[in-house]
Amino acid sequence: MTEITEIDAVGLLCPLPVLKLRKRMMPLASGDQIVLIADDPASIVDVPHFCNEQGHELIDRREDGARIFFTVQKG
């Protein structure tokens, strides 16, 4: 069964949201998903770049006010 984890990185600036994402993804199984919530505008570039570099898939990105929700699936 796919596990979905949520990370609240609101208030953290680059590179902290991606560092938290990297740390939390390490023990997950392939196919597990994480929802990262951030409000740093740099995360719009940083998270897709991280996914590309690490072989993960950015499933969804949506914005709600200043908060950005990224759904990432471990590759």
Protein backbone atom coordinates (compact mmCIF):
# COMPACT_ATOMS: atom_id res chain seq x y z
CA MET A 1 0.00 0.00 0.00
CA THR A 2 1.27 3.47 -0.89
CA GLU A 3 2.13 5.64 2.08
CA ILE A 4 1.47 9.40 1.90
CA THR A 5 3.41 11.69 4.24
CA GLU A 6 2.99 15.43 4.71
CA ILE A 7 5.79 17.91 5.42
CA ASP A 8 5.00 21.42 6.66
CA ALA A 9 7.85 23.66 5.48
CA VAL A 10 5.90 26.93 5.70
CA GLY A 11 8.19 29.72 6.89
CA LEU A 12 11.38 27.93 5.82
CA LEU A 13 13.59 29.45 3.14
CA CYS A 14 15.68 27.79 0.45
CA PRO A 15 17.21 25.24 0.72
CA LEU A 16 15.43 24.00 3.87
CA PRO A 17 12.16 22.80 2.25
CA VAL A 18 14.07 20.60 -0.21
CA LEU A 19 16.45 19.36 2.51
CA LYS A 20 13.46 18.31 4.64
CA LEU A 21 11.92 16.62 1.60
CA ARG A 22 15.14 14.74 0.83
CA LYS A 23 15.50 13.52 4.44
CA ARG A 24 11.89 12.32 4.70
CA MET A 25 11.99 10.53 1.31
CA MET A 26 15.10 8.47 2.06
CA PRO A 27 13.38 5.69 4.07
CA LEU A 28 10.26 5.54 1.88
CA ALA A 29 9.55 2.76 -0.60
CA SER A 30 9.37 3.41 -4.31
CA GLY A 31 5.87 4.66 -5.15
CA ASP A 32 5.27 6.29 -1.76
CA GLN A 33 4.21 9.93 -1.89
CA ILE A 34 4.97 13.04 0.11
CA VAL A 35 3.03 16.29 0.13
CA LEU A 36 5.39 19.21 0.79
CA ILE A 37 3.76 22.46 1.87
CA ALA A 38 5.99 25.49 1.41
CA ASP A 39 5.64 29.23 1.02
CA ASP A 40 9.14 30.05 -0.27
CA PRO A 41 8.78 31.19 -3.91
CA ALA A 42 12.14 29.54 -4.70
CA SER A 43 10.54 26.14 -4.02
CA ILE A 44 8.67 26.44 -7.34
CA VAL A 45 12.07 25.94 -9.02
CA ASP A 46 13.86 23.93 -6.32
CA VAL A 47 11.37 21.07 -5.89
CA PRO A 48 11.06 20.13 -9.60
CA HIS A 49 14.86 20.36 -9.91
CA PHE A 50 15.30 18.06 -6.89
CA CYS A 51 12.83 15.56 -8.40
CA ASN A 52 14.67 15.58 -11.73
CA GLU A 53 18.06 15.08 -10.11
CA GLN A 54 16.92 12.29 -7.75
CA GLY A 55 14.62 10.35 -10.09
CA HIS A 56 11.38 11.20 -8.27
CA GLU A 57 8.16 12.31 -9.94
CA LEU A 58 6.41 15.60 -9.24
CA ILE A 59 2.79 14.42 -9.36
CA ASP A 60 1.07 17.73 -8.63
CA ARG A 61 1.72 21.34 -7.71
CA ARG A 62 -1.03 23.68 -6.57
CA GLU A 63 -1.14 27.00 -4.82
CA ASP A 64 -3.46 28.20 -2.08
CA GLY A 65 -2.67 31.82 -1.31
CA ALA A 66 1.02 31.97 -0.38
CA ARG A 67 1.21 28.23 0.28
CA ILE A 68 2.41 25.85 -2.42
CA PHE A 69 1.52 22.16 -2.23
CA PHE A 70 3.86 19.72 -4.01
CA THR A 71 2.97 16.04 -4.31
CA VAL A 72 6.13 14.03 -4.95
CA GLN A 73 6.30 10.29 -5.61
CA LYS A 74 9.49 8.43 -4.79
CA GLY A 75 11.12 6.88 -7.84
